[in-house]
């Protein structure tokens, strides 16, 4: 849980603008990759604020009604090229798993034959051993004949990219774009009912559209865009006119949050 204070407007108009920028040219190289690459990153977190008295054609809010508005947009565009993947080498795709054999003996089967780690067994040779347990014979030379491979599985396998790194594991790095845009508008209105009583309203909304959420730990599976809205109404009574902030006592607050219907109802 955390608390935050939202600025209020005043009798004078004030504003500001800001931007937080990230570029891979300013970053250090990524560790544990062969080329010490710097992933492409274009990130901006910018916005502006404006606040002052509420002025309408027939209403002057000086000394009575004030507003404060903030708009923030976060844009993150980068190319992810530091995620290691394991994909089958060409020999595995052809059914040749001789490189998978490690030579480590895991024990013996009911016939007393050694069980070598990485051995591929032929399901068509399944039978019962003399003690009733099921056994299978290894494929000769740990190679699966091509005519035993399912054509649908081979079609799916053809869509898997070939390795571009050495080894049997962590042998593929495939760059992909990742972009995230978040808009955060917020507005606060304060109205002095008397010199001791103030009514405040705060509203904020967060709208996020993200192709991938890799920096946050992977795609979250939720529908896009994700939007949440927050609204708060505060009624504060000041003990004396000199107090400038709402005290903890004599305050009534009501608030609510809203998420998209598809997140609540599936």
C-alpha atoms as a PDB file:
ATOM      1  CA  UNK A   1       0.000   0.000   0.000  1.00  0.00           C
ATOM      2  CA  UNK A   2       1.163   3.519  -0.691  1.00  0.00           C
ATOM      3  CA  UNK A   3      -0.198   7.049  -0.335  1.00  0.00           C
ATOM      4  CA  UNK A   4       0.332   9.901  -2.717  1.00  0.00           C
ATOM      5  CA  UNK A   5      -0.602  13.582  -2.744  1.00  0.00           C
ATOM      6  CA  UNK A   6      -1.940  15.250  -5.873  1.00  0.00           C
ATOM      7  CA  UNK A   7      -1.146  18.919  -6.398  1.00  0.00           C
ATOM      8  CA  UNK A   8      -3.942  21.451  -6.459  1.00  0.00           C
ATOM      9  CA  UNK A   9      -4.406  24.548  -8.551  1.00  0.00           C
ATOM     10  CA  UNK A  10      -3.976  28.056  -7.175  1.00  0.00           C
ATOM     11  CA  UNK A  11      -5.085  31.606  -7.929  1.00  0.00           C
ATOM     12  CA  UNK A  12      -2.394  31.879 -10.618  1.00  0.00           C
ATOM     13  CA  UNK A  13      -1.964  29.742 -13.689  1.00  0.00           C
ATOM     14  CA  UNK A  14       1.121  27.515 -13.585  1.00  0.00           C
ATOM     15  CA  UNK A  15       2.381  24.716 -15.811  1.00  0.00           C
ATOM     16  CA  UNK A  16       5.329  22.466 -16.525  1.00  0.00           C
ATOM     17  CA  UNK A  17       6.634  20.011 -19.106  1.00  0.00           C
ATOM     18  CA  UNK A  18       8.980  17.069 -18.724  1.00  0.00           C
ATOM     19  CA  UNK A  19      10.553  14.152 -20.574  1.00  0.00           C
ATOM     20  CA  UNK A  20      12.595  11.158 -19.462  1.00  0.00           C
ATOM     21  CA  UNK A  21      14.530   9.674 -22.389  1.00  0.00           C
ATOM     22  CA  UNK A  22      16.386   6.363 -22.848  1.00  0.00           C
ATOM     23  CA  UNK A  23      18.543   5.386 -25.834  1.00  0.00           C
ATOM     24  CA  UNK A  24      20.714   2.266 -26.201  1.00  0.00           C
ATOM     25  CA  UNK A  25      23.667   4.440 -27.234  1.00  0.00           C
ATOM     26  CA  UNK A  26      23.850   5.533 -23.595  1.00  0.00           C
ATOM     27  CA  UNK A  27      23.542   2.008 -22.162  1.00  0.00           C
ATOM     28  CA  UNK A  28      26.166  -0.538 -21.209  1.00  0.00           C
ATOM     29  CA  UNK A  29      26.518  -3.730 -23.243  1.00  0.00           C
ATOM     30  CA  UNK A  30      24.319  -6.685 -22.287  1.00  0.00           C
ATOM     31  CA  UNK A  31      26.175  -9.347 -20.242  1.00  0.00           C
ATOM     32  CA  UNK A  32      26.349 -13.086 -21.013  1.00  0.00           C
ATOM     33  CA  UNK A  33      25.897 -12.745 -24.776  1.00  0.00           C
ATOM     34  CA  UNK A  34      28.625 -13.453 -27.292  1.00  0.00           C
ATOM     35  CA  UNK A  35      28.682 -10.041 -28.971  1.00  0.00           C
ATOM     36  CA  UNK A  36      28.077  -7.897 -25.851  1.00  0.00           C
ATOM     37  CA  UNK A  37      25.117  -6.424 -27.737  1.00  0.00           C
ATOM     38  CA  UNK A  38      23.199  -3.307 -26.822  1.00  0.00           C
ATOM     39  CA  UNK A  39      19.515  -4.038 -27.483  1.00  0.00           C
ATOM     40  CA  UNK A  40      17.752  -1.298 -29.400  1.00  0.00           C
ATOM     41  CA  UNK A  41      15.789   0.808 -26.903  1.00  0.00           C
ATOM     42  CA  UNK A  42      13.739   3.943 -27.574  1.00  0.00           C
ATOM     43  CA  UNK A  43      11.945   5.044 -24.424  1.00  0.00           C
ATOM     44  CA  UNK A  44      10.254   8.291 -23.508  1.00  0.00           C
ATOM     45  CA  UNK A  45       8.175   9.219 -20.469  1.00  0.00           C
ATOM     46  CA  UNK A  46       6.913  12.716 -21.109  1.00  0.00           C
ATOM     47  CA  UNK A  47       4.019  14.934 -20.186  1.00  0.00           C
ATOM     48  CA  UNK A  48       2.830  18.322 -19.024  1.00  0.00           C
ATOM     49  CA  UNK A  49       0.854  19.928 -16.190  1.00  0.00           C
ATOM     50  CA  UNK A  50      -1.339  23.008 -15.957  1.00  0.00           C
ATOM     51  CA  UNK A  51      -3.264  24.385 -13.034  1.00  0.00           C
ATOM     52  CA  UNK A  52      -5.036  27.505 -11.873  1.00  0.00           C
ATOM     53  CA  UNK A  53      -8.450  28.977 -11.051  1.00  0.00           C
ATOM     54  CA  UNK A  54     -11.543  27.674 -12.822  1.00  0.00           C
ATOM     55  CA  UNK A  55     -12.722  30.403 -15.216  1.00  0.00           C
ATOM     56  CA  UNK A  56     -16.030  30.021 -17.019  1.00  0.00           C
ATOM     57  CA  UNK A  57     -18.092  32.580 -18.991  1.00  0.00           C
ATOM     58  CA  UNK A  58     -20.236  33.367 -15.941  1.00  0.00           C
ATOM     59  CA  UNK A  59     -18.002  32.086 -13.185  1.00  0.00           C
ATOM     60  CA  UNK A  60     -14.715  33.323 -11.719  1.00  0.00           C
ATOM     61  CA  UNK A  61     -13.077  30.690  -9.555  1.00  0.00           C
ATOM     62  CA  UNK A  62     -10.436  32.920  -7.979  1.00  0.00           C
ATOM     63  CA  UNK A  63     -10.175  32.247  -4.237  1.00  0.00           C
ATOM     64  CA  UNK A  64     -12.814  29.503  -4.555  1.00  0.00           C
ATOM     65  CA  UNK A  65     -12.484  26.853  -7.306  1.00  0.00           C
ATOM     66  CA  UNK A  66      -9.219  25.503  -8.715  1.00  0.00           C
ATOM     67  CA  UNK A  67      -8.114  22.789 -11.112  1.00  0.00           C
ATOM     68  CA  UNK A  68      -4.913  20.882 -11.793  1.00  0.00           C
ATOM     69  CA  UNK A  69      -4.414  18.706 -14.902  1.00  0.00           C
ATOM     70  CA  UNK A  70      -1.587  16.346 -15.764  1.00  0.00           C
ATOM     71  CA  UNK A  71      -1.034  14.269 -18.879  1.00  0.00           C
ATOM     72  CA  UNK A  72       1.714  11.653 -19.044  1.00  0.00           C
ATOM     73  CA  UNK A  73       2.585   9.247 -21.856  1.00  0.00           C
ATOM     74  CA  UNK A  74       5.100   6.436 -21.584  1.00  0.00           C
ATOM     75  CA  UNK A  75       6.433   5.025 -24.862  1.00  0.00           C
ATOM     76  CA  UNK A  76       8.807   2.083 -24.890  1.00  0.00           C
ATOM     77  CA  UNK A  77      10.009   0.788 -28.257  1.00  0.00           C
ATOM     78  CA  UNK A  78      12.861  -1.666 -28.347  1.00  0.00           C
ATOM     79  CA  UNK A  79      14.250  -4.684 -30.104  1.00  0.00           C
ATOM     80  CA  UNK A  80      14.732  -7.663 -27.793  1.00  0.00           C
ATOM     81  CA  UNK A  81      17.842  -9.602 -28.805  1.00  0.00           C
ATOM     82  CA  UNK A  82      19.175 -10.968 -25.509  1.00  0.00           C
ATOM     83  CA  UNK A  83      16.750 -13.854 -24.894  1.00  0.00           C
ATOM     84  CA  UNK A  84      18.334 -17.264 -25.410  1.00  0.00           C
ATOM     85  CA  UNK A  85      16.152 -20.034 -26.857  1.00  0.00           C
ATOM     86  CA  UNK A  86      16.765 -23.734 -27.357  1.00  0.00           C
ATOM     87  CA  UNK A  87      15.778 -25.082 -30.793  1.00  0.00           C
ATOM     88  CA  UNK A  88      16.519 -28.460 -32.419  1.00  0.00           C
ATOM     89  CA  UNK A  89      19.651 -28.739 -34.519  1.00  0.00           C
ATOM     90  CA  UNK A  90      19.361 -30.042 -38.083  1.00  0.00           C
ATOM     91  CA  UNK A  91      20.420 -33.565 -37.080  1.00  0.00           C
ATOM     92  CA  UNK A  92      17.562 -33.732 -34.545  1.00  0.00           C
ATOM     93  CA  UNK A  93      15.112 -32.550 -37.196  1.00  0.00           C
ATOM     94  CA  UNK A  94      16.297 -35.402 -39.422  1.00  0.00           C
ATOM     95  CA  UNK A  95      15.767 -37.937 -36.644  1.00  0.00           C
ATOM     96  CA  UNK A  96      19.454 -38.346 -35.759  1.00  0.00           C
ATOM     97  CA  UNK A  97      19.791 -38.094 -31.969  1.00  0.00           C
ATOM     98  CA  UNK A  98      23.267 -39.548 -31.612  1.00  0.00           C
ATOM     99  CA  UNK A  99      24.492 -36.260 -30.139  1.00  0.00           C
ATOM    100  CA  UNK A 100      21.860 -36.524 -27.409  1.00  0.00           C
ATOM    101  CA  UNK A 101      23.562 -39.556 -25.871  1.00  0.00           C
ATOM    102  CA  UNK A 102      25.607 -38.418 -22.868  1.00  0.00           C
ATOM    103  CA  UNK A 103      27.090 -41.809 -21.953  1.00  0.00           C
ATOM    104  CA  UNK A 104      25.728 -41.569 -18.419  1.00  0.00           C
ATOM    105  CA  UNK A 105      24.345 -44.884 -17.153  1.00  0.00           C
ATOM    106  CA  UNK A 106      21.005 -44.377 -15.397  1.00  0.00           C
ATOM    107  CA  UNK A 107      20.587 -48.018 -14.410  1.00  0.00           C
ATOM    108  CA  UNK A 108      19.381 -51.224 -16.050  1.00  0.00           C
ATOM    109  CA  UNK A 109      16.056 -52.376 -17.481  1.00  0.00           C
ATOM    110  CA  UNK A 110      14.291 -55.653 -16.478  1.00  0.00           C
ATOM    111  CA  UNK A 111      16.448 -57.515 -19.026  1.00  0.00           C
ATOM    112  CA  UNK A 112      19.645 -56.200 -17.431  1.00  0.00           C
ATOM    113  CA  UNK A 113      20.409 -53.865 -20.314  1.00  0.00           C
ATOM    114  CA  UNK A 114      21.994 -50.492 -19.432  1.00  0.00           C
ATOM    115  CA  UNK A 115      19.760 -47.412 -19.649  1.00  0.00           C
ATOM    116  CA  UNK A 116      21.916 -44.696 -21.184  1.00  0.00           C
ATOM    117  CA  UNK A 117      20.872 -41.077 -20.764  1.00  0.00           C
ATOM    118  CA  UNK A 118      19.634 -39.565 -24.026  1.00  0.00           C
ATOM    119  CA  UNK A 119      18.601 -42.863 -25.612  1.00  0.00           C
ATOM    120  CA  UNK A 120      15.477 -42.776 -27.809  1.00  0.00           C
ATOM    121  CA  UNK A 121      13.248 -45.872 -27.509  1.00  0.00           C
ATOM    122  CA  UNK A 122      10.990 -47.289 -30.222  1.00  0.00           C
ATOM    123  CA  UNK A 123       7.356 -47.362 -28.997  1.00  0.00           C
ATOM    124  CA  UNK A 124       6.508 -50.106 -31.511  1.00  0.00           C
ATOM    125  CA  UNK A 125       8.777 -52.519 -29.617  1.00  0.00           C
ATOM    126  CA  UNK A 126       6.838 -52.188 -26.348  1.00  0.00           C
ATOM    127  CA  UNK A 127       6.333 -55.572 -24.687  1.00  0.00           C
ATOM    128  CA  UNK A 128       6.244 -57.191 -21.295  1.00  0.00           C
ATOM    129  CA  UNK A 129       9.410 -58.455 -19.680  1.00  0.00           C
ATOM    130  CA  UNK A 130       9.434 -61.807 -17.820  1.00  0.00           C
ATOM    131  CA  UNK A 131       8.685 -59.982 -14.570  1.00  0.00           C
ATOM    132  CA  UNK A 132       5.646 -58.219 -16.104  1.00  0.00           C
ATOM    133  CA  UNK A 133       7.162 -54.794 -16.494  1.00  0.00           C
ATOM    134  CA  UNK A 134       7.036 -53.091 -19.905  1.00  0.00           C
ATOM    135  CA  UNK A 135      10.221 -52.605 -21.878  1.00  0.00           C
ATOM    136  CA  UNK A 136      11.215 -51.108 -25.213  1.00  0.00           C
ATOM    137  CA  UNK A 137      14.203 -51.396 -27.532  1.00  0.00           C
ATOM    138  CA  UNK A 138      16.294 -48.353 -28.480  1.00  0.00           C
ATOM    139  CA  UNK A 139      16.257 -47.088 -32.053  1.00  0.00           C
ATOM    140  CA  UNK A 140      19.413 -48.349 -33.832  1.00  0.00           C
ATOM    141  CA  UNK A 141      22.166 -45.738 -33.545  1.00  0.00           C
ATOM    142  CA  UNK A 142      19.629 -43.523 -31.762  1.00  0.00           C
ATOM    143  CA  UNK A 143      18.157 -42.550 -35.131  1.00  0.00           C
ATOM    144  CA  UNK A 144      14.428 -42.315 -35.890  1.00  0.00           C
ATOM    145  CA  UNK A 145      13.630 -43.248 -39.519  1.00  0.00           C
ATOM    146  CA  UNK A 146      12.051 -40.420 -41.484  1.00  0.00           C
ATOM    147  CA  UNK A 147       9.160 -42.659 -42.542  1.00  0.00           C
ATOM    148  CA  UNK A 148       8.221 -42.965 -38.850  1.00  0.00           C
ATOM    149  CA  UNK A 149       7.821 -39.205 -38.428  1.00  0.00           C
ATOM    150  CA  UNK A 150       4.378 -37.621 -38.527  1.00  0.00           C
ATOM    151  CA  UNK A 151       4.009 -35.244 -41.527  1.00  0.00           C
ATOM    152  CA  UNK A 152       1.978 -32.762 -39.479  1.00  0.00           C
ATOM    153  CA  UNK A 153       4.688 -32.659 -36.825  1.00  0.00           C
ATOM    154  CA  UNK A 154       7.330 -32.177 -39.532  1.00  0.00           C
ATOM    155  CA  UNK A 155       5.323 -29.253 -40.937  1.00  0.00           C
ATOM    156  CA  UNK A 156       5.179 -27.621 -37.518  1.00  0.00           C
ATOM    157  CA  UNK A 157       8.867 -28.314 -37.007  1.00  0.00           C
ATOM    158  CA  UNK A 158       9.682 -26.503 -40.249  1.00  0.00           C
ATOM    159  CA  UNK A 159       8.283 -23.318 -38.702  1.00  0.00           C
ATOM    160  CA  UNK A 160      10.846 -23.450 -35.890  1.00  0.00           C
ATOM    161  CA  UNK A 161      13.950 -21.422 -36.825  1.00  0.00           C
ATOM    162  CA  UNK A 162      17.312 -23.113 -37.105  1.00  0.00           C
ATOM    163  CA  UNK A 163      19.975 -22.445 -34.463  1.00  0.00           C
ATOM    164  CA  UNK A 164      22.161 -19.391 -34.936  1.00  0.00           C
ATOM    165  CA  UNK A 165      24.354 -20.059 -31.896  1.00  0.00           C
ATOM    166  CA  UNK A 166      26.602 -23.069 -31.141  1.00  0.00           C
ATOM    167  CA  UNK A 167      25.564 -25.950 -28.918  1.00  0.00           C
ATOM    168  CA  UNK A 168      22.503 -28.059 -28.249  1.00  0.00           C
ATOM    169  CA  UNK A 169      20.891 -25.719 -25.696  1.00  0.00           C
ATOM    170  CA  UNK A 170      20.537 -21.925 -25.620  1.00  0.00           C
ATOM    171  CA  UNK A 171      21.487 -22.038 -29.284  1.00  0.00           C
ATOM    172  CA  UNK A 172      19.133 -19.430 -30.735  1.00  0.00           C
ATOM    173  CA  UNK A 173      18.807 -15.647 -30.397  1.00  0.00           C
ATOM    174  CA  UNK A 174      15.984 -14.198 -32.490  1.00  0.00           C
ATOM    175  CA  UNK A 175      15.440 -10.434 -32.219  1.00  0.00           C
ATOM    176  CA  UNK A 176      11.848  -9.228 -32.118  1.00  0.00           C
ATOM    177  CA  UNK A 177      10.231  -5.811 -31.664  1.00  0.00           C
ATOM    178  CA  UNK A 178       8.498  -4.873 -28.437  1.00  0.00           C
ATOM    179  CA  UNK A 179       6.439  -1.717 -28.055  1.00  0.00           C
ATOM    180  CA  UNK A 180       4.400  -0.386 -25.156  1.00  0.00           C
ATOM    181  CA  UNK A 181       2.392   2.840 -24.953  1.00  0.00           C
ATOM    182  CA  UNK A 182       0.753   4.001 -21.722  1.00  0.00           C
ATOM    183  CA  UNK A 183      -1.374   7.148 -21.376  1.00  0.00           C
ATOM    184  CA  UNK A 184      -2.086   8.550 -17.905  1.00  0.00           C
ATOM    185  CA  UNK A 185      -4.374  11.596 -17.856  1.00  0.00           C
ATOM    186  CA  UNK A 186      -5.325  12.987 -14.437  1.00  0.00           C
ATOM    187  CA  UNK A 187      -7.350  15.944 -13.199  1.00  0.00           C
ATOM    188  CA  UNK A 188      -8.093  17.379  -9.767  1.00  0.00           C
ATOM    189  CA  UNK A 189     -10.701  19.996  -8.879  1.00  0.00           C
ATOM    190  CA  UNK A 190     -10.883  21.753  -5.491  1.00  0.00           C
ATOM    191  CA  UNK A 191     -13.792  23.894  -4.343  1.00  0.00           C
ATOM    192  CA  UNK A 192     -13.857  25.897  -1.103  1.00  0.00           C
ATOM    193  CA  UNK A 193     -17.360  25.712   0.333  1.00  0.00           C
ATOM    194  CA  UNK A 194     -16.321  27.943   3.234  1.00  0.00           C
ATOM    195  CA  UNK A 195     -13.032  29.084   4.680  1.00  0.00           C
ATOM    196  CA  UNK A 196     -12.918  25.830   6.663  1.00  0.00           C
ATOM    197  CA  UNK A 197     -14.543  23.284   4.354  1.00  0.00           C
ATOM    198  CA  UNK A 198     -13.162  22.046   1.046  1.00  0.00           C
ATOM    199  CA  UNK A 199     -14.541  19.615  -1.510  1.00  0.00           C
ATOM    200  CA  UNK A 200     -12.032  17.861  -3.794  1.00  0.00           C
ATOM    201  CA  UNK A 201     -12.420  15.518  -6.754  1.00  0.00           C
ATOM    202  CA  UNK A 202      -9.586  13.553  -8.372  1.00  0.00           C
ATOM    203  CA  UNK A 203      -9.816  11.399 -11.499  1.00  0.00           C
ATOM    204  CA  UNK A 204      -7.103   9.430 -13.272  1.00  0.00           C
ATOM    205  CA  UNK A 205      -7.009   6.814 -16.001  1.00  0.00           C
ATOM    206  CA  UNK A 206      -4.269   4.463 -17.167  1.00  0.00           C
ATOM    207  CA  UNK A 207      -4.497   3.117 -20.715  1.00  0.00           C
ATOM    208  CA  UNK A 208      -1.858   0.621 -21.846  1.00  0.00           C
ATOM    209  CA  UNK A 209      -1.380  -0.950 -25.262  1.00  0.00           C
ATOM    210  CA  UNK A 210       1.481  -3.428 -25.397  1.00  0.00           C
ATOM    211  CA  UNK A 211       2.471  -5.836 -28.154  1.00  0.00           C
ATOM    212  CA  UNK A 212       4.703  -7.709 -25.733  1.00  0.00           C
ATOM    213  CA  UNK A 213       5.469  -7.166 -22.086  1.00  0.00           C
ATOM    214  CA  UNK A 214       8.975  -8.557 -22.078  1.00  0.00           C
ATOM    215  CA  UNK A 215      10.433  -5.953 -19.707  1.00  0.00           C
ATOM    216  CA  UNK A 216       7.704  -6.917 -17.253  1.00  0.00           C
ATOM    217  CA  UNK A 217       8.399 -10.622 -17.435  1.00  0.00           C
ATOM    218  CA  UNK A 218       6.627 -11.858 -20.551  1.00  0.00           C
ATOM    219  CA  UNK A 219       3.238 -11.550 -22.178  1.00  0.00           C
ATOM    220  CA  UNK A 220       0.482 -11.527 -19.562  1.00  0.00           C
ATOM    221  CA  UNK A 221      -2.245 -13.074 -21.729  1.00  0.00           C
ATOM    222  CA  UNK A 222      -4.736 -10.302 -21.015  1.00  0.00           C
ATOM    223  CA  UNK A 223      -6.656  -8.556 -23.789  1.00  0.00           C
ATOM    224  CA  UNK A 224      -5.227  -5.305 -25.092  1.00  0.00           C
ATOM    225  CA  UNK A 225      -5.511  -2.471 -24.477  1.00  0.00           C
ATOM    226  CA  UNK A 226      -5.630  -2.640 -20.688  1.00  0.00           C
ATOM    227  CA  UNK A 227      -7.399   0.358 -19.124  1.00  0.00           C
ATOM    228  CA  UNK A 228      -8.043   1.258 -15.522  1.00  0.00           C
ATOM    229  CA  UNK A 229      -9.738   4.365 -14.130  1.00  0.00           C
ATOM    230  CA  UNK A 230      -9.665   5.803 -10.618  1.00  0.00           C
ATOM    231  CA  UNK A 231     -11.993   8.421  -9.135  1.00  0.00           C
ATOM    232  CA  UNK A 232     -11.901   9.960  -5.653  1.00  0.00           C
ATOM    233  CA  UNK A 233     -14.106  12.509  -3.903  1.00  0.00           C
ATOM    234  CA  UNK A 234     -12.896  14.102  -0.659  1.00  0.00           C
ATOM    235  CA  UNK A 235     -14.768  16.309   1.782  1.00  0.00           C
ATOM    236  CA  UNK A 236     -12.460  17.970   4.277  1.00  0.00           C
ATOM    237  CA  UNK A 237     -13.202  20.221   7.231  1.00  0.00           C
ATOM    238  CA  UNK A 238     -10.343  22.382   8.494  1.00  0.00           C
ATOM    239  CA  UNK A 239      -9.979  23.095  12.170  1.00  0.00           C
ATOM    240  CA  UNK A 240      -8.891  26.685  11.471  1.00  0.00           C
ATOM    241  CA  UNK A 241      -8.608  28.781   8.300  1.00  0.00           C
ATOM    242  CA  UNK A 242      -4.818  28.798   8.663  1.00  0.00           C
ATOM    243  CA  UNK A 243      -4.443  25.046   8.069  1.00  0.00           C
ATOM    244  CA  UNK A 244      -3.457  24.424   4.462  1.00  0.00           C
ATOM    245  CA  UNK A 245      -3.865  20.633   4.202  1.00  0.00           C
ATOM    246  CA  UNK A 246      -6.696  18.243   4.951  1.00  0.00           C
ATOM    247  CA  UNK A 247      -6.342  16.806   8.451  1.00  0.00           C
ATOM    248  CA  UNK A 248      -6.827  13.142   9.116  1.00  0.00           C
ATOM    249  CA  UNK A 249      -9.949  13.850  11.137  1.00  0.00           C
ATOM    250  CA  UNK A 250     -13.223  15.296   9.866  1.00  0.00           C
ATOM    251  CA  UNK A 251     -12.735  13.941   6.356  1.00  0.00           C
ATOM    252  CA  UNK A 252     -15.087  11.870   4.217  1.00  0.00           C
ATOM    253  CA  UNK A 253     -13.697  10.097   1.151  1.00  0.00           C
ATOM    254  CA  UNK A 254     -15.259   7.953  -1.555  1.00  0.00           C
ATOM    255  CA  UNK A 255     -13.351   6.297  -4.361  1.00  0.00           C
ATOM    256  CA  UNK A 256     -13.732   3.692  -7.061  1.00  0.00           C
ATOM    257  CA  UNK A 257     -11.736   1.775  -9.641  1.00  0.00           C
ATOM    258  CA  UNK A 258     -12.821   0.500 -13.045  1.00  0.00           C
ATOM    259  CA  UNK A 259     -11.326  -2.208 -15.233  1.00  0.00           C
ATOM    260  CA  UNK A 260     -12.472  -3.260 -18.709  1.00  0.00           C
ATOM    261  CA  UNK A 261     -15.443  -5.643 -18.768  1.00  0.00           C
ATOM    262  CA  UNK A 262     -13.437  -8.280 -20.643  1.00  0.00           C
ATOM    263  CA  UNK A 263     -11.014  -8.523 -17.730  1.00  0.00           C
ATOM    264  CA  UNK A 264     -13.817  -8.946 -15.208  1.00  0.00           C
ATOM    265  CA  UNK A 265     -16.049 -11.337 -17.125  1.00  0.00           C
ATOM    266  CA  UNK A 266     -13.551 -13.205 -19.294  1.00  0.00           C
END
